Amino acid sequence: MIVAGLATLDTGAAQPAAASRSEMPDGLYAEFTTPRGVIVAGLFYQKTPLTVTNFVGLAEGTLGPAPGKPFFDGLTFHRVVPNFVIQGGDPKGTGEGGPGYSFPDEFAPGRHHDDAGVLAMANDGPDTNGCQFFFTLREVNRLNYLHTVFGRVARGLEALPRVQAGDKMQVKILRIGAAARAFRADQAAFDALAAKTPKYTGRPEPGPEAHFDDPDHLLPAEPPRAKNFNFKLANFERATGIKIAARVFAHSPPPAEDARPGAHMHALAEKLGTARRGVLAAYFADEDDWRVWIGDDLVSGFLGRPAKPEDLGEDQALHQVKQVFLEAVQARAKDATAFVQKTFNSDQPLTAAQKLKLEVDEMLDGLIFRFEPKSVP
């Protein structure tokens, strides 16, 4: 059938009628009509108010380059990557377009790319959000603290993997309940929220003083993995106040610096400002070895109970919990490598740099999940 000029598939339950909308919980929703079905996403307007204000304002025509005209209607999903994401909202349809302005990221602890159907902003780096967005097609937690998560599919999840590049969309905002009806998405609301949203203050590139560094260039250069890891960790500190720093080195420390257990990591943690309220992870390629320093103020949280002086001794509780953590990271990295090899690179084996990238993903995500403040749903 044809809905508002778009050819759509008759998928039965995938097409929510007015009666079914009335059965949805109170909230603010975006209804995407596509040729493959209707997708309804709940918007996190209380956790990410700036991002939702922008999206709703564009969809309703109260923001954007053409006042009064719904921005997204007739635009396409220009990028479709199976088992990863579908991306749309670009007026040029190339991935290069925008609304004529940008706004800061909003990272809410607990809002992760943890399943299919997560709605998040596409960007070109910190605080470059505009109008492009994507839906995840599976869990992609490596995108956490790189992209603002501002919604999740409530209905029509089955339509997501059917979307094809070039499919057009229409977007309608559904307001159910008093709070959603009162939500403002005009220029004044946008400007006020943008003014008080924390901005990115981290280093723009990896380096000795940055959150992440790859001085021996062990990671793939294209895309710039080290740069993105640096953004991710700086964004995590921006959102939580907890600093995680990470390094990948080709060689282990010289014996003189490494004679006493923990001495090298302690010195590096002091230099990077993670010795007390922070975490440092370092990888040494020649030994295929990860080391983790947990700042003094975070040890109890890492152990899951109040720390005792004896917990810090060699082969005691802190060391044991670290070993369990590292084994879990390595197991997840092995699974991720097998998945990527089978799904995306079946014709040729992954390079050492690609495998290391996946291992760094799992290390950073493991630390973030461990130290991220618990979020209220």
Protein backbone atom coordinates (compact mmCIF):
# COMPACT_ATOMS: atom_id res chain seq x y z
CA MET A 1 0.00 0.00 0.00
CA ILE A 2 0.99 3.66 -0.30
CA VAL A 3 1.28 5.81 2.84
CA ALA A 4 1.86 9.55 2.30
CA GLY A 5 3.61 8.97 -0.99
CA LEU A 6 5.85 6.15 0.27
CA ALA A 7 5.45 2.58 -0.94
CA THR A 8 5.10 0.43 2.17
CA LEU A 9 4.85 -3.27 2.80
CA ASP A 10 1.69 -4.52 4.47
CA THR A 11 3.31 -6.21 7.47
CA GLY A 12 0.29 -6.42 9.73
CA ALA A 13 1.45 -5.75 13.29
CA ALA A 14 4.32 -3.62 11.99
CA GLN A 15 1.83 -0.89 11.05
CA PRO A 16 0.62 0.75 14.31
CA ALA A 17 -2.89 2.19 14.03
CA ALA A 18 -4.29 4.92 16.25
CA ALA A 19 -5.84 2.30 18.52
CA SER A 20 -2.49 0.58 19.11
CA ARG A 21 -0.82 3.93 19.79
CA SER A 22 -3.28 4.53 22.61
CA GLU A 23 -2.02 1.35 24.25
CA MET A 24 1.57 2.60 24.44
CA PRO A 25 2.91 3.88 27.79
CA ASP A 26 3.16 7.60 28.35
CA GLY A 27 6.17 9.01 26.59
CA LEU A 28 7.60 10.84 23.62
CA TYR A 29 7.95 8.70 20.49
CA ALA A 30 9.19 9.01 16.93
CA GLU A 31 7.27 7.04 14.31
CA PHE A 32 9.32 6.23 11.21
CA THR A 33 7.30 5.16 8.18
CA THR A 34 9.49 3.29 5.68
CA PRO A 35 8.88 1.03 2.66
CA ARG A 36 9.73 -1.93 4.93
CA GLY A 37 7.34 -1.18 7.78
CA VAL A 38 6.77 1.28 10.59
CA ILE A 39 9.31 1.69 13.38
CA VAL A 40 8.32 3.44 16.61
CA ALA A 41 11.13 4.56 18.92
CA GLY A 42 10.75 5.87 22.44
CA LEU A 43 12.80 9.04 22.95
CA PHE A 44 14.82 9.61 26.14
CA TYR A 45 13.69 13.19 26.55
CA GLN A 46 14.51 13.29 30.27
CA LYS A 47 18.01 11.80 30.00
CA THR A 48 19.08 13.47 26.74
CA PRO A 49 16.86 16.56 26.49
CA LEU A 50 19.07 18.55 24.10
CA THR A 51 19.36 15.74 21.58
CA VAL A 52 15.65 14.95 21.73
CA THR A 53 14.76 18.64 21.45
CA ASN A 54 16.84 18.82 18.29
CA PHE A 55 15.34 15.66 16.80
CA VAL A 56 11.75 16.56 17.65
CA GLY A 57 12.24 20.15 16.48
CA LEU A 58 13.58 18.98 13.13
CA ALA A 59 10.82 16.39 12.74
CA GLU A 60 8.07 18.90 13.55
CA GLY A 61 9.61 21.83 11.68
CA THR A 62 10.21 24.06 14.72
CA LEU A 63 13.98 23.80 14.18
CA GLY A 64 16.08 23.53 11.07
CA PRO A 65 16.74 25.43 7.86
CA ALA A 66 13.10 25.58 6.69
CA PRO A 67 10.79 26.77 9.51
CA GLY A 68 7.44 25.01 9.51
CA LYS A 69 8.61 22.19 7.24
CA PRO A 70 9.24 18.70 8.69
CA PHE A 71 12.95 18.14 8.05
CA PHE A 72 13.15 14.35 7.79
CA ASP A 73 10.18 13.63 5.52
CA GLY A 74 11.39 12.31 2.18
CA LEU A 75 14.99 11.82 3.30
CA THR A 76 16.63 8.42 2.96
CA PHE A 77 18.50 5.81 4.88
CA HIS A 78 21.71 6.43 2.95
CA ARG A 79 23.94 3.96 4.80
CA VAL A 80 23.05 0.34 5.54
CA VAL A 81 25.66 -1.99 7.03
CA PRO A 82 24.22 -5.46 7.77
CA ASN A 83 24.85 -6.67 11.33
CA PHE A 84 25.83 -3.12 12.31
CA VAL A 85 23.65 -0.05 11.65
CA ILE A 86 21.23 1.71 9.34
CA GLN A 87 21.86 5.45 9.10
CA GLY A 88 19.72 8.30 7.79
CA GLY A 89 18.67 11.90 8.24
CA ASP A 90 21.12 13.47 5.78
CA PRO A 91 19.54 16.04 3.42
CA LYS A 92 22.28 15.35 0.87
CA GLY A 93 21.90 11.58 1.09
CA THR A 94 25.68 11.14 1.06
CA GLY A 95 26.68 11.23 4.72
CA GLU A 96 28.07 14.74 4.28
CA GLY A 97 24.96 16.84 4.93
CA GLY A 98 23.64 18.61 7.99
CA PRO A 99 21.07 21.12 9.24
CA GLY A 100 23.47 24.07 9.19
CA TYR A 101 24.52 23.88 12.85
CA SER A 102 25.94 21.43 15.38
CA PHE A 103 25.43 20.77 19.08
CA PRO A 104 27.18 18.97 21.97
CA ASP A 105 27.02 15.30 22.89
CA GLU A 106 24.90 14.11 25.81
CA PHE A 107 26.26 10.96 27.42
CA ALA A 108 23.94 9.46 30.03
CA PRO A 109 25.50 6.63 32.07
CA GLY A 110 23.60 3.42 31.45
CA ARG A 111 22.49 4.38 27.94
CA HIS A 112 24.37 1.87 25.81
CA HIS A 113 24.38 0.46 22.29
CA ASP A 114 23.52 -2.84 23.92
CA ASP A 115 21.03 -4.40 21.52
CA ALA A 116 19.31 -4.03 18.18
CA GLY A 117 17.02 -1.02 17.98
CA VAL A 118 19.10 1.58 19.80
CA LEU A 119 18.65 5.07 18.28
CA ALA A 120 21.75 7.28 18.39
CA MET A 121 23.31 10.32 16.75
CA ALA A 122 25.89 10.02 13.99
CA ASN A 123 28.77 12.48 14.20
CA ASP A 124 32.24 13.41 12.97
CA GLY A 125 33.77 13.55 16.44
CA PRO A 126 32.93 15.19 19.75
CA ASP A 127 30.14 17.79 19.73
CA THR A 128 29.46 17.61 15.97
CA ASN A 129 25.87 16.36 16.14
CA GLY A 130 23.41 17.68 13.58
CA CYS A 131 20.61 15.72 11.94
CA GLN A 132 22.06 12.31 11.04
CA PHE A 133 21.09 9.36 13.22
CA PHE A 134 21.33 5.58 13.17
CA PHE A 135 19.65 2.47 14.50
CA THR A 136 21.77 -0.44 15.68
CA LEU A 137 21.11 -3.87 14.18
CA ARG A 138 22.79 -5.71 17.05
CA GLU A 139 24.75 -4.99 20.22
CA VAL A 140 27.57 -2.55 19.40
CA ASN A 141 28.81 -1.42 22.81
CA ARG A 142 32.06 -0.22 21.31
CA LEU A 143 30.09 2.87 20.23
CA ASN A 144 29.31 3.81 23.84
CA TYR A 145 30.59 7.28 24.75
CA LEU A 146 31.22 8.02 21.09
CA HIS A 147 27.59 8.58 20.05
CA THR A 148 24.66 9.99 22.00
CA VAL A 149 22.00 7.34 22.62
CA PHE A 150 18.65 9.13 22.66
CA GLY A 151 16.04 6.46 22.00
CA ARG A 152 15.14 2.81 21.57
CA VAL A 153 12.71 0.98 19.32
CA ALA A 154 9.45 0.20 21.09
CA ARG A 155 7.63 -1.32 18.10
CA GLY A 156 8.60 -2.47 14.64
CA LEU A 157 12.01 -3.89 15.51
CA GLU A 158 11.54 -6.57 12.86
CA ALA A 159 11.51 -3.88 10.14
CA LEU A 160 15.03 -2.61 10.88
CA PRO A 161 17.05 -5.33 9.10
CA ARG A 162 14.75 -5.08 6.08
CA VAL A 163 15.59 -1.42 5.45
CA GLN A 164 17.67 -0.91 2.30
CA ALA A 165 19.96 1.91 1.24
CA GLY A 166 17.89 4.57 -0.50
CA ASP A 167 14.65 3.79 1.34
CA LYS A 168 12.75 6.99 2.11
CA MET A 169 11.30 7.87 5.49
CA GLN A 170 8.61 9.98 7.06
CA VAL A 171 8.94 10.87 10.73
CA LYS A 172 6.02 11.77 12.98
CA ILE A 173 6.35 12.67 16.66
CA LEU A 174 3.85 11.01 19.02
CA ARG A 175 3.21 12.68 22.39
CA ILE A 176 1.45 10.45 24.92
CA GLY A 177 0.80 11.81 28.40
CA ALA A 178 1.02 15.26 29.95
CA ALA A 179 4.82 15.37 30.25
CA ALA A 180 5.34 14.49 26.59
CA ARG A 181 2.73 17.00 25.47
CA ALA A 182 4.46 19.70 27.51
CA PHE A 183 7.91 18.97 26.06
CA ARG A 184 9.11 22.02 24.11
CA ALA A 185 11.23 21.65 20.99
CA ASP A 186 11.68 25.22 19.81
CA GLN A 187 14.72 27.44 19.32
CA ALA A 188 14.58 28.92 22.82
CA ALA A 189 14.50 25.48 24.45
CA PHE A 190 17.31 24.24 22.21
CA ASP A 191 19.52 27.27 22.94
CA ALA A 192 19.00 27.02 26.70
CA LEU A 193 19.87 23.33 26.77
CA ALA A 194 22.88 23.73 24.48
CA ALA A 195 24.28 26.49 26.69
CA LYS A 196 24.34 24.30 29.80
CA THR A 197 25.44 21.01 28.22
CA PRO A 198 29.10 20.19 29.07
CA LYS A 199 31.45 20.58 26.10
CA TYR A 200 34.36 18.38 25.07
CA THR A 201 37.62 19.44 26.73
CA GLY A 202 39.80 16.41 26.01
CA ARG A 203 42.80 16.31 23.73
CA PRO A 204 41.92 16.25 20.01
CA GLU A 205 44.55 13.62 19.23
CA PRO A 206 46.18 10.67 21.02
CA GLY A 207 49.47 11.49 22.69
CA PRO A 208 51.54 11.35 25.89
CA GLU A 209 49.12 13.63 27.76
CA ALA A 210 45.90 12.30 26.21
CA HIS A 211 43.51 9.71 27.58
CA PHE A 212 44.73 7.21 24.97
CA ASP A 213 48.01 6.76 23.16
CA ASP A 214 49.45 4.32 20.64
CA PRO A 215 53.02 5.63 20.32
CA ASP A 216 54.25 2.64 18.31
CA HIS A 217 51.30 2.73 15.89
CA LEU A 218 50.11 -0.80 16.60
CA LEU A 219 46.45 -0.09 15.80
CA PRO A 220 44.90 0.37 12.35
CA ALA A 221 45.37 3.92 11.08
CA GLU A 222 42.25 3.95 8.89
CA PRO A 223 39.77 4.51 10.39
CA PRO A 224 41.84 6.27 13.10
CA ARG A 225 41.21 3.80 15.92
CA ALA A 226 43.54 5.42 18.46
CA LYS A 227 41.86 8.80 17.91
CA ASN A 228 38.42 7.31 18.52
CA PHE A 229 39.59 5.49 21.64
CA ASN A 230 40.90 8.81 22.94
CA PHE A 231 37.55 10.50 22.28
CA LYS A 232 35.73 7.65 24.01
CA LEU A 233 37.74 7.84 27.21
CA ALA A 234 37.66 11.64 27.34
CA ASN A 235 33.90 11.52 26.86
CA PHE A 236 33.57 8.99 29.66
CA GLU A 237 35.36 11.36 32.02
CA ARG A 238 33.20 14.24 30.78
CA ALA A 239 30.07 12.27 31.67
CA THR A 240 31.16 10.60 34.92
CA GLY A 241 34.14 12.46 36.36
CA ILE A 242 36.15 9.22 36.34
CA LYS A 243 39.31 9.14 34.26
CA ILE A 244 40.29 5.98 32.41
CA ALA A 245 43.57 6.17 30.52
CA ALA A 246 44.95 3.48 28.22
CA ARG A 247 48.16 2.82 26.33
CA VAL A 248 49.34 0.21 23.83
CA PHE A 249 53.11 -0.29 23.64
CA ALA A 250 55.27 -2.45 21.41
CA HIS A 251 57.72 -3.25 24.21
CA SER A 252 57.59 -3.89 27.93
CA PRO A 253 59.26 -1.44 30.34
CA PRO A 254 63.04 -1.70 30.82
CA PRO A 255 64.02 -4.03 33.69
CA ALA A 256 65.20 -1.11 35.81
CA GLU A 257 61.71 0.41 35.70
CA ASP A 258 59.93 -2.88 36.20
CA ALA A 259 61.91 -4.61 38.94
CA ARG A 260 59.34 -3.93 41.66
CA PRO A 261 55.80 -5.20 40.92
CA GLY A 262 53.51 -2.33 40.03
CA ALA A 263 56.21 0.34 40.04
CA HIS A 264 56.02 1.16 36.33
CA MET A 265 52.22 1.29 36.28
CA HIS A 266 52.12 3.41 39.44
CA ALA A 267 54.56 5.92 37.96
CA LEU A 268 52.58 6.12 34.71
CA ALA A 269 49.30 6.44 36.63
CA GLU A 270 50.76 9.34 38.64
CA LYS A 271 51.84 11.05 35.43
CA LEU A 272 48.40 10.64 33.84
CA GLY A 273 46.41 11.62 36.92
CA THR A 274 44.80 8.23 37.51
CA ALA A 275 46.69 7.13 40.62
CA ARG A 276 43.82 7.97 42.98
CA ARG A 277 40.47 8.47 41.26
CA GLY A 278 41.14 6.81 37.95
CA VAL A 279 42.15 3.69 36.07
CA LEU A 280 45.08 2.92 33.78
CA ALA A 281 45.24 0.00 31.33
CA ALA A 282 48.43 -0.73 29.39
CA TYR A 283 49.14 -3.38 26.77
CA PHE A 284 52.67 -4.64 25.97
CA ALA A 285 52.76 -6.38 22.61
CA ASP A 286 56.08 -8.19 23.04
CA GLU A 287 54.60 -10.15 25.95
CA ASP A 288 50.97 -10.01 24.75
CA ASP A 289 50.22 -8.77 28.23
CA TRP A 290 47.70 -6.35 29.75
CA ARG A 291 48.29 -4.58 33.03
CA VAL A 292 45.67 -2.59 34.93
CA TRP A 293 46.17 0.00 37.66
CA ILE A 294 43.15 0.77 39.82
CA GLY A 295 43.26 4.14 41.58
CA ASP A 296 43.14 4.08 45.36
CA ASP A 297 39.67 5.64 45.56
CA LEU A 298 38.20 3.05 43.18
CA VAL A 299 39.60 -0.17 44.64
CA SER A 300 36.56 -0.86 46.81
CA GLY A 301 34.26 -0.45 43.83
CA PHE A 302 36.40 -2.80 41.77
CA LEU A 303 36.40 -5.43 44.52
CA GLY A 304 32.69 -5.03 45.15
CA ARG A 305 33.25 -4.48 48.88
CA PRO A 306 35.24 -2.20 51.20
CA ALA A 307 38.95 -2.72 50.60
CA LYS A 308 41.26 -3.87 53.38
CA PRO A 309 45.03 -3.19 53.53
CA GLU A 310 45.80 -6.87 53.04
CA ASP A 311 43.78 -6.90 49.80
CA LEU A 312 46.52 -4.88 48.11
CA GLY A 313 49.33 -7.37 48.72
CA GLU A 314 50.91 -9.52 46.03
CA ASP A 315 48.56 -12.33 44.93
CA GLN A 316 45.85 -11.05 47.28
CA ALA A 317 42.25 -10.05 46.57
CA LEU A 318 42.92 -7.10 44.24
CA HIS A 319 45.32 -9.15 42.12
CA GLN A 320 42.88 -12.06 42.00
CA VAL A 321 39.94 -9.90 40.92
CA LYS A 322 42.14 -8.28 38.26
CA GLN A 323 43.03 -11.70 36.89
CA VAL A 324 39.38 -12.71 36.63
CA PHE A 325 38.63 -9.40 34.91
CA LEU A 326 41.50 -9.83 32.43
CA GLU A 327 40.47 -13.39 31.61
CA ALA A 328 36.94 -12.18 30.89
CA VAL A 329 38.29 -9.43 28.61
CA GLN A 330 40.39 -11.95 26.69
CA ALA A 331 37.44 -14.32 26.32
CA ARG A 332 35.21 -11.55 24.95
CA ALA A 333 37.96 -10.41 22.60
CA LYS A 334 38.30 -13.96 21.29
CA ASP A 335 34.54 -14.13 20.67
CA ALA A 336 34.58 -10.71 18.98
CA THR A 337 37.44 -11.75 16.73
CA ALA A 338 35.61 -14.90 15.68
CA PHE A 339 32.42 -12.93 14.97
CA VAL A 340 34.17 -10.26 12.89
CA GLN A 341 36.20 -12.87 11.02
CA LYS A 342 33.08 -14.85 10.12
CA THR A 343 30.78 -11.90 9.41
CA PHE A 344 32.96 -9.28 7.74
CA ASN A 345 36.33 -10.81 6.80
CA SER A 346 35.61 -14.40 5.86
CA ASP A 347 37.98 -14.34 2.87
CA GLN A 348 41.14 -13.33 4.72
CA PRO A 349 42.41 -13.54 8.30
CA LEU A 350 42.36 -10.48 10.49
CA THR A 351 45.65 -8.66 10.88
CA ALA A 352 47.43 -8.29 14.21
CA ALA A 353 46.38 -4.63 14.26
CA GLN A 354 42.72 -5.52 13.71
CA LYS A 355 42.80 -8.16 16.45
CA LEU A 356 44.41 -5.70 18.85
CA LYS A 357 41.71 -3.15 18.07
CA LEU A 358 39.04 -5.67 19.09
CA GLU A 359 40.95 -6.47 22.27
CA VAL A 360 41.21 -2.78 23.16
CA ASP A 361 37.45 -2.47 22.55
CA GLU A 362 36.77 -5.19 25.10
CA MET A 363 39.25 -3.81 27.63
CA LEU A 364 37.83 -0.29 27.52
CA ASP A 365 34.22 -1.47 27.54
CA GLY A 366 34.97 -3.79 30.45
CA LEU A 367 36.45 -0.94 32.48
CA ILE A 368 33.62 1.42 31.56
CA PHE A 369 30.96 -1.08 32.62
CA ARG A 370 32.86 -1.72 35.85
CA PHE A 371 33.25 1.91 36.88
CA GLU A 372 30.29 3.61 35.24
CA PRO A 373 27.90 5.09 37.83
CA LYS A 374 24.67 3.15 38.04
CA SER A 375 21.93 4.97 36.18
CA VAL A 376 18.32 5.27 37.27
CA PRO A 377 16.09 3.90 34.45
